[in-house]
PDB file of N, CA and C in Angstrom:
ATOM      1  N   MET A   1     -27.326  19.775  34.891  1.00  0.00           N
ATOM      2  CA  MET A   1     -26.594  20.865  35.512  1.00  0.00           C
ATOM      3  C   MET A   1     -27.580  21.819  36.175  1.00  0.00           C
ATOM      4  N   ARG A   2     -27.142  22.358  37.280  1.00  0.00           N
ATOM      5  CA  ARG A   2     -27.960  23.305  38.025  1.00  0.00           C
ATOM      6  C   ARG A   2     -27.097  24.492  38.409  1.00  0.00           C
ATOM      7  N   THR A   3     -27.605  25.696  38.195  1.00  0.00           N
ATOM      8  CA  THR A   3     -26.875  26.905  38.542  1.00  0.00           C
ATOM      9  C   THR A   3     -27.554  27.591  39.719  1.00  0.00           C
ATOM     10  N   MET A   4     -26.744  27.986  40.699  1.00  0.00           N
ATOM     11  CA  MET A   4     -27.250  28.696  41.876  1.00  0.00           C
ATOM     12  C   MET A   4     -26.474  29.990  42.051  1.00  0.00           C
ATOM     13  N   GLU A   5     -27.167  31.016  42.523  1.00  0.00           N
ATOM     14  CA  GLU A   5     -26.554  32.319  42.765  1.00  0.00           C
ATOM     15  C   GLU A   5     -26.197  32.449  44.241  1.00  0.00           C
ATOM     16  N   PHE A   6     -25.023  33.003  44.501  1.00  0.00           N
ATOM     17  CA  PHE A   6     -24.555  33.237  45.862  1.00  0.00           C
ATOM     18  C   PHE A   6     -24.163  34.699  46.008  1.00  0.00           C
ATOM     19  N   LYS A   7     -24.445  35.281  47.169  1.00  0.00           N
ATOM     20  CA  LYS A   7     -24.090  36.676  47.466  1.00  0.00           C
ATOM     21  C   LYS A   7     -22.782  36.700  48.230  1.00  0.00           C
ATOM     22  N   MET A   8     -21.867  37.568  47.774  1.00  0.00           N
ATOM     23  CA  MET A   8     -20.576  37.734  48.435  1.00  0.00           C
ATOM     24  C   MET A   8     -20.488  39.141  49.020  1.00  0.00           C
ATOM     25  N   GLU A   9     -19.787  39.288  50.117  1.00  0.00           N
ATOM     26  CA  GLU A   9     -19.591  40.606  50.716  1.00  0.00           C
ATOM     27  C   GLU A   9     -18.340  41.294  50.176  1.00  0.00           C
ATOM     28  N   ARG A  10     -17.389  40.497  49.676  1.00  0.00           N
ATOM     29  CA  ARG A  10     -16.138  41.076  49.169  1.00  0.00           C
ATOM     30  C   ARG A  10     -15.785  40.437  47.841  1.00  0.00           C
ATOM     31  N   GLN A  11     -15.068  41.175  47.021  1.00  0.00           N
ATOM     32  CA  GLN A  11     -14.609  40.635  45.755  1.00  0.00           C
ATOM     33  C   GLN A  11     -13.209  40.057  45.902  1.00  0.00           C
ATOM     34  N   GLY A  12     -12.760  39.331  44.894  1.00  0.00           N
ATOM     35  CA  GLY A  12     -11.399  38.817  44.874  1.00  0.00           C
ATOM     36  C   GLY A  12     -11.194  37.493  45.596  1.00  0.00           C
ATOM     37  N   LEU A  13     -12.257  36.896  46.126  1.00  0.00           N
ATOM     38  CA  LEU A  13     -12.108  35.644  46.861  1.00  0.00           C
ATOM     39  C   LEU A  13     -12.322  34.418  45.987  1.00  0.00           C
ATOM     40  N   LEU A  14     -12.939  34.613  44.821  1.00  0.00           N
ATOM     41  CA  LEU A  14     -13.213  33.520  43.892  1.00  0.00           C
ATOM     42  C   LEU A  14     -12.764  33.904  42.496  1.00  0.00           C
ATOM     43  N   GLN A  15     -12.529  32.885  41.659  1.00  0.00           N
ATOM     44  CA  GLN A  15     -12.185  33.099  40.262  1.00  0.00           C
ATOM     45  C   GLN A  15     -13.081  32.225  39.401  1.00  0.00           C
ATOM     46  N   VAL A  16     -13.445  32.726  38.229  1.00  0.00           N
ATOM     47  CA  VAL A  16     -14.234  31.937  37.288  1.00  0.00           C
ATOM     48  C   VAL A  16     -13.453  30.673  36.952  1.00  0.00           C
ATOM     49  N   GLY A  17     -14.123  29.533  36.965  1.00  0.00           N
ATOM     50  CA  GLY A  17     -13.498  28.241  36.707  1.00  0.00           C
ATOM     51  C   GLY A  17     -13.038  27.511  37.953  1.00  0.00           C
ATOM     52  N   GLN A  18     -13.038  28.183  39.074  1.00  0.00           N
ATOM     53  CA  GLN A  18     -12.596  27.576  40.327  1.00  0.00           C
ATOM     54  C   GLN A  18     -13.635  26.576  40.842  1.00  0.00           C
ATOM     55  N   GLU A  19     -13.163  25.441  41.358  1.00  0.00           N
ATOM     56  CA  GLU A  19     -14.061  24.484  42.003  1.00  0.00           C
ATOM     57  C   GLU A  19     -14.260  24.916  43.447  1.00  0.00           C
ATOM     58  N   VAL A  20     -15.514  24.911  43.900  1.00  0.00           N
ATOM     59  CA  VAL A  20     -15.825  25.295  45.273  1.00  0.00           C
ATOM     60  C   VAL A  20     -16.627  24.194  45.949  1.00  0.00           C
ATOM     61  N   GLU A  21     -16.569  24.188  47.265  1.00  0.00           N
ATOM     62  CA  GLU A  21     -17.343  23.249  48.064  1.00  0.00           C
ATOM     63  C   GLU A  21     -18.352  24.041  48.870  1.00  0.00           C
ATOM     64  N   VAL A  22     -19.573  23.529  48.977  1.00  0.00           N
ATOM     65  CA  VAL A  22     -20.615  24.209  49.742  1.00  0.00           C
ATOM     66  C   VAL A  22     -21.092  23.320  50.884  1.00  0.00           C
ATOM     67  N   THR A  23     -21.575  23.967  51.933  1.00  0.00           N
ATOM     68  CA  THR A  23     -22.209  23.258  53.035  1.00  0.00           C
ATOM     69  C   THR A  23     -23.679  23.645  53.070  1.00  0.00           C
ATOM     70  N   GLU A  24     -24.503  22.729  53.533  1.00  0.00           N
ATOM     71  CA  GLU A  24     -25.939  22.956  53.645  1.00  0.00           C
ATOM     72  C   GLU A  24     -26.273  23.228  55.108  1.00  0.00           C
ATOM     73  N   SER A  25     -27.090  24.252  55.346  1.00  0.00           N
ATOM     74  CA  SER A  25     -27.521  24.580  56.704  1.00  0.00           C
ATOM     75  C   SER A  25     -29.038  24.615  56.756  1.00  0.00           C
ATOM     76  N   PRO A  26     -29.623  23.970  57.761  1.00  0.00           N
ATOM     77  CA  PRO A  26     -31.084  23.940  57.850  1.00  0.00           C
ATOM     78  C   PRO A  26     -31.639  25.169  58.562  1.00  0.00           C
ATOM     79  N   LEU A  27     -32.813  25.581  58.139  1.00  0.00           N
ATOM     80  CA  LEU A  27     -33.630  26.579  58.817  1.00  0.00           C
ATOM     81  C   LEU A  27     -34.938  25.865  59.189  1.00  0.00           C
ATOM     82  N   PRO A  28     -35.813  26.482  59.939  1.00  0.00           N
ATOM     83  CA  PRO A  28     -37.049  25.780  60.320  1.00  0.00           C
ATOM     84  C   PRO A  28     -37.863  25.234  59.143  1.00  0.00           C
ATOM     85  N   THR A  29     -37.920  25.965  58.036  1.00  0.00           N
ATOM     86  CA  THR A  29     -38.733  25.491  56.903  1.00  0.00           C
ATOM     87  C   THR A  29     -37.983  25.485  55.579  1.00  0.00           C
ATOM     88  N   SER A  30     -36.659  25.678  55.610  1.00  0.00           N
ATOM     89  CA  SER A  30     -35.892  25.716  54.360  1.00  0.00           C
ATOM     90  C   SER A  30     -34.419  25.428  54.641  1.00  0.00           C
ATOM     91  N   TYR A  31     -33.599  25.574  53.594  1.00  0.00           N
ATOM     92  CA  TYR A  31     -32.158  25.333  53.679  1.00  0.00           C
ATOM     93  C   TYR A  31     -31.434  26.456  52.945  1.00  0.00           C
ATOM     94  N   TYR A  32     -30.188  26.719  53.358  1.00  0.00           N
ATOM     95  CA  TYR A  32     -29.341  27.639  52.600  1.00  0.00           C
ATOM     96  C   TYR A  32     -27.957  27.018  52.486  1.00  0.00           C
ATOM     97  N   TYR A  33     -27.172  27.538  51.535  1.00  0.00           N
ATOM     98  CA  TYR A  33     -25.866  26.967  51.229  1.00  0.00           C
ATOM     99  C   TYR A  33     -24.791  28.041  51.344  1.00  0.00           C
ATOM    100  N   THR A  34     -23.623  27.627  51.813  1.00  0.00           N
ATOM    101  CA  THR A  34     -22.500  28.539  51.994  1.00  0.00           C
ATOM    102  C   THR A  34     -21.292  27.991  51.260  1.00  0.00           C
ATOM    103  N   ILE A  35     -20.655  28.842  50.436  1.00  0.00           N
ATOM    104  CA  ILE A  35     -19.390  28.467  49.807  1.00  0.00           C
ATOM    105  C   ILE A  35     -18.327  28.567  50.881  1.00  0.00           C
ATOM    106  N   GLN A  36     -17.588  27.491  51.068  1.00  0.00           N
ATOM    107  CA  GLN A  36     -16.564  27.437  52.112  1.00  0.00           C
ATOM    108  C   GLN A  36     -15.225  27.932  51.592  1.00  0.00           C
ATOM    109  N   PRO A  37     -14.443  28.604  52.432  1.00  0.00           N
ATOM    110  CA  PRO A  37     -14.668  28.886  53.837  1.00  0.00           C
ATOM    111  C   PRO A  37     -15.418  30.214  54.041  1.00  0.00           C
ATOM    112  N   MET A  38     -16.703  30.154  54.162  1.00  0.00           N
ATOM    113  CA  MET A  38     -17.576  31.300  54.445  1.00  0.00           C
ATOM    114  C   MET A  38     -17.361  32.470  53.471  1.00  0.00           C
ATOM    115  N   ILE A  39     -17.328  32.163  52.181  1.00  0.00           N
ATOM    116  CA  ILE A  39     -17.080  33.183  51.160  1.00  0.00           C
ATOM    117  C   ILE A  39     -18.367  33.827  50.681  1.00  0.00           C
ATOM    118  N   ALA A  40     -19.411  33.017  50.470  1.00  0.00           N
ATOM    119  CA  ALA A  40     -20.667  33.532  49.915  1.00  0.00           C
ATOM    120  C   ALA A  40     -21.822  32.652  50.372  1.00  0.00           C
ATOM    121  N   MET A  41     -23.042  33.227  50.361  1.00  0.00           N
ATOM    122  CA  MET A  41     -24.219  32.513  50.833  1.00  0.00           C
ATOM    123  C   MET A  41     -25.341  32.580  49.803  1.00  0.00           C
ATOM    124  N   SER A  42     -26.112  31.500  49.730  1.00  0.00           N
ATOM    125  CA  SER A  42     -27.226  31.422  48.794  1.00  0.00           C
ATOM    126  C   SER A  42     -28.497  31.990  49.417  1.00  0.00           C
ATOM    127  N   ARG A  43     -29.529  32.055  48.601  1.00  0.00           N
ATOM    128  CA  ARG A  43     -30.861  32.362  49.130  1.00  0.00           C
ATOM    129  C   ARG A  43     -31.377  31.116  49.833  1.00  0.00           C
ATOM    130  N   ASN A  44     -32.541  31.194  50.436  1.00  0.00           N
ATOM    131  CA  ASN A  44     -33.155  30.035  51.086  1.00  0.00           C
ATOM    132  C   ASN A  44     -33.872  29.176  50.050  1.00  0.00           C
ATOM    133  N   TYR A  45     -33.752  27.862  50.198  1.00  0.00           N
ATOM    134  CA  TYR A  45     -34.380  26.897  49.294  1.00  0.00           C
ATOM    135  C   TYR A  45     -35.301  25.983  50.078  1.00  0.00           C
ATOM    136  N   GLN A  46     -36.441  25.650  49.500  1.00  0.00           N
ATOM    137  CA  GLN A  46     -37.380  24.715  50.116  1.00  0.00           C
ATOM    138  C   GLN A  46     -36.798  23.297  50.077  1.00  0.00           C
ATOM    139  N   GLY A  47     -37.373  22.401  50.858  1.00  0.00           N
ATOM    140  CA  GLY A  47     -36.878  21.034  50.931  1.00  0.00           C
ATOM    141  C   GLY A  47     -36.822  20.334  49.593  1.00  0.00           C
ATOM    142  N   TYR A  48     -37.815  20.550  48.739  1.00  0.00           N
ATOM    143  CA  TYR A  48     -37.827  19.896  47.426  1.00  0.00           C
ATOM    144  C   TYR A  48     -36.789  20.483  46.474  1.00  0.00           C
ATOM    145  N   GLU A  49     -36.159  21.616  46.844  1.00  0.00           N
ATOM    146  CA  GLU A  49     -35.132  22.250  46.016  1.00  0.00           C
ATOM    147  C   GLU A  49     -33.720  21.956  46.513  1.00  0.00           C
ATOM    148  N   ARG A  50     -33.569  21.086  47.494  1.00  0.00           N
ATOM    149  CA  ARG A  50     -32.253  20.838  48.095  1.00  0.00           C
ATOM    150  C   ARG A  50     -31.226  20.423  47.057  1.00  0.00           C
ATOM    151  N   LEU A  51     -30.027  20.884  47.269  1.00  0.00           N
ATOM    152  CA  LEU A  51     -28.902  20.598  46.399  1.00  0.00           C
ATOM    153  C   LEU A  51     -28.407  19.182  46.663  1.00  0.00           C
ATOM    154  N   LYS A  52     -28.139  18.430  45.610  1.00  0.00           N
ATOM    155  CA  LYS A  52     -27.677  17.045  45.744  1.00  0.00           C
ATOM    156  C   LYS A  52     -26.152  16.947  45.765  1.00  0.00           C
ATOM    157  N   SER A  53     -25.492  17.881  45.110  1.00  0.00           N
ATOM    158  CA  SER A  53     -24.034  17.873  45.021  1.00  0.00           C
ATOM    159  C   SER A  53     -23.458  18.891  45.995  1.00  0.00           C
ATOM    160  N   ARG A  54     -22.257  18.689  46.458  1.00  0.00           N
ATOM    161  CA  ARG A  54     -21.612  19.639  47.365  1.00  0.00           C
ATOM    162  C   ARG A  54     -20.405  20.333  46.741  1.00  0.00           C
ATOM    163  N   LYS A  55     -20.128  20.025  45.470  1.00  0.00           N
ATOM    164  CA  LYS A  55     -19.029  20.686  44.764  1.00  0.00           C
ATOM    165  C   LYS A  55     -19.546  21.259  43.463  1.00  0.00           C
ATOM    166  N   GLY A  56     -19.056  22.461  43.123  1.00  0.00           N
ATOM    167  CA  GLY A  56     -19.476  23.104  41.890  1.00  0.00           C
ATOM    168  C   GLY A  56     -18.353  23.940  41.307  1.00  0.00           C
ATOM    169  N   ILE A  57     -18.626  24.506  40.124  1.00  0.00           N
ATOM    170  CA  ILE A  57     -17.651  25.330  39.409  1.00  0.00           C
ATOM    171  C   ILE A  57     -18.201  26.754  39.276  1.00  0.00           C
ATOM    172  N   VAL A  58     -17.381  27.737  39.621  1.00  0.00           N
ATOM    173  CA  VAL A  58     -17.767  29.144  39.492  1.00  0.00           C
ATOM    174  C   VAL A  58     -17.860  29.488  38.006  1.00  0.00           C
ATOM    175  N   LYS A  59     -19.034  29.953  37.580  1.00  0.00           N
ATOM    176  CA  LYS A  59     -19.268  30.278  36.173  1.00  0.00           C
ATOM    177  C   LYS A  59     -19.260  31.769  35.897  1.00  0.00           C
ATOM    178  N   ASP A  60     -19.594  32.597  36.889  1.00  0.00           N
ATOM    179  CA  ASP A  60     -19.671  34.042  36.672  1.00  0.00           C
ATOM    180  C   ASP A  60     -19.510  34.755  38.004  1.00  0.00           C
ATOM    181  N   ILE A  61     -18.879  35.922  37.963  1.00  0.00           N
ATOM    182  CA  ILE A  61     -18.761  36.793  39.126  1.00  0.00           C
ATOM    183  C   ILE A  61     -19.116  38.185  38.649  1.00  0.00           C
ATOM    184  N   ARG A  62     -20.009  38.865  39.365  1.00  0.00           N
ATOM    185  CA  ARG A  62     -20.411  40.198  38.917  1.00  0.00           C
ATOM    186  C   ARG A  62     -20.664  41.122  40.105  1.00  0.00           C
ATOM    187  N   GLU A  63     -20.531  42.407  39.830  1.00  0.00           N
ATOM    188  CA  GLU A  63     -20.815  43.429  40.824  1.00  0.00           C
ATOM    189  C   GLU A  63     -22.083  44.163  40.401  1.00  0.00           C
ATOM    190  N   THR A  64     -23.008  44.320  41.326  1.00  0.00           N
ATOM    191  CA  THR A  64     -24.229  45.073  41.077  1.00  0.00           C
ATOM    192  C   THR A  64     -24.312  46.181  42.120  1.00  0.00           C
ATOM    193  N   GLU A  65     -25.327  47.001  42.021  1.00  0.00           N
ATOM    194  CA  GLU A  65     -25.492  48.045  43.042  1.00  0.00           C
ATOM    195  C   GLU A  65     -25.857  47.457  44.400  1.00  0.00           C
ATOM    196  N   ARG A  66     -26.280  46.197  44.432  1.00  0.00           N
ATOM    197  CA  ARG A  66     -26.609  45.522  45.692  1.00  0.00           C
ATOM    198  C   ARG A  66     -25.438  44.724  46.266  1.00  0.00           C
ATOM    199  N   GLY A  67     -24.341  44.629  45.546  1.00  0.00           N
ATOM    200  CA  GLY A  67     -23.184  43.896  46.037  1.00  0.00           C
ATOM    201  C   GLY A  67     -22.609  42.955  44.993  1.00  0.00           C
ATOM    202  N   TYR A  68     -21.812  42.006  45.449  1.00  0.00           N
ATOM    203  CA  TYR A  68     -21.139  41.046  44.585  1.00  0.00           C
ATOM    204  C   TYR A  68     -21.901  39.725  44.575  1.00  0.00           C
ATOM    205  N   TYR A  69     -22.003  39.138  43.384  1.00  0.00           N
ATOM    206  CA  TYR A  69     -22.713  37.878  43.220  1.00  0.00           C
ATOM    207  C   TYR A  69     -21.879  36.926  42.372  1.00  0.00           C
ATOM    208  N   THR A  70     -22.037  35.631  42.642  1.00  0.00           N
ATOM    209  CA  THR A  70     -21.391  34.622  41.821  1.00  0.00           C
ATOM    210  C   THR A  70     -22.398  33.536  41.477  1.00  0.00           C
ATOM    211  N   ASP A  71     -22.277  32.999  40.275  1.00  0.00           N
ATOM    212  CA  ASP A  71     -23.095  31.869  39.846  1.00  0.00           C
ATOM    213  C   ASP A  71     -22.211  30.629  39.863  1.00  0.00           C
ATOM    214  N   VAL A  72     -22.708  29.577  40.496  1.00  0.00           N
ATOM    215  CA  VAL A  72     -21.971  28.325  40.598  1.00  0.00           C
ATOM    216  C   VAL A  72     -22.813  27.233  39.953  1.00  0.00           C
ATOM    217  N   GLU A  73     -22.166  26.430  39.115  1.00  0.00           N
ATOM    218  CA  GLU A  73     -22.855  25.345  38.415  1.00  0.00           C
ATOM    219  C   GLU A  73     -22.521  24.017  39.092  1.00  0.00           C
ATOM    220  N   PHE A  74     -23.573  23.251  39.383  1.00  0.00           N
ATOM    221  CA  PHE A  74     -23.435  21.949  40.044  1.00  0.00           C
ATOM    222  C   PHE A  74     -23.914  20.855  39.091  1.00  0.00           C
ATOM    223  N   ASP A  75     -23.189  19.755  39.064  1.00  0.00           N
ATOM    224  CA  ASP A  75     -23.560  18.607  38.232  1.00  0.00           C
ATOM    225  C   ASP A  75     -24.375  17.650  39.102  1.00  0.00           C
ATOM    226  N   GLU A  76     -25.682  17.617  38.885  1.00  0.00           N
ATOM    227  CA  GLU A  76     -26.560  16.739  39.662  1.00  0.00           C
ATOM    228  C   GLU A  76     -27.114  15.615  38.824  1.00  0.00           C
ATOM    229  N   GLU A  77     -26.702  15.495  37.594  1.00  0.00           N
ATOM    230  CA  GLU A  77     -27.250  14.481  36.680  1.00  0.00           C
ATOM    231  C   GLU A  77     -26.897  13.064  37.081  1.00  0.00           C
ATOM    232  N   GLU A  78     -25.682  12.840  37.584  1.00  0.00           N
ATOM    233  CA  GLU A  78     -25.236  11.487  37.890  1.00  0.00           C
ATOM    234  C   GLU A  78     -25.588  11.046  39.294  1.00  0.00           C
ATOM    235  N   LEU A  79     -26.176  11.908  40.100  1.00  0.00           N
ATOM    236  CA  LEU A  79     -26.474  11.550  41.484  1.00  0.00           C
ATOM    237  C   LEU A  79     -27.822  10.889  41.626  1.00  0.00           C
TER     238      LEU A  79
END
């Protein structure tokens, strides 16, 4: 299992336990992931850190002074 953090601009778009789908987008030297439909975005990841799965489960949603964040768990063991 792998957990990734995503930044959201608004609350109320996701629920804990919800299955989400992510898309991978390339940058010149890294990749980032977006929960569809454009709900939240990850930090940048190097090529060796690329995500193998495109579906995950929302494990936590929290509000901080910097905004809203969600943790999504991906099952990469069987891939």
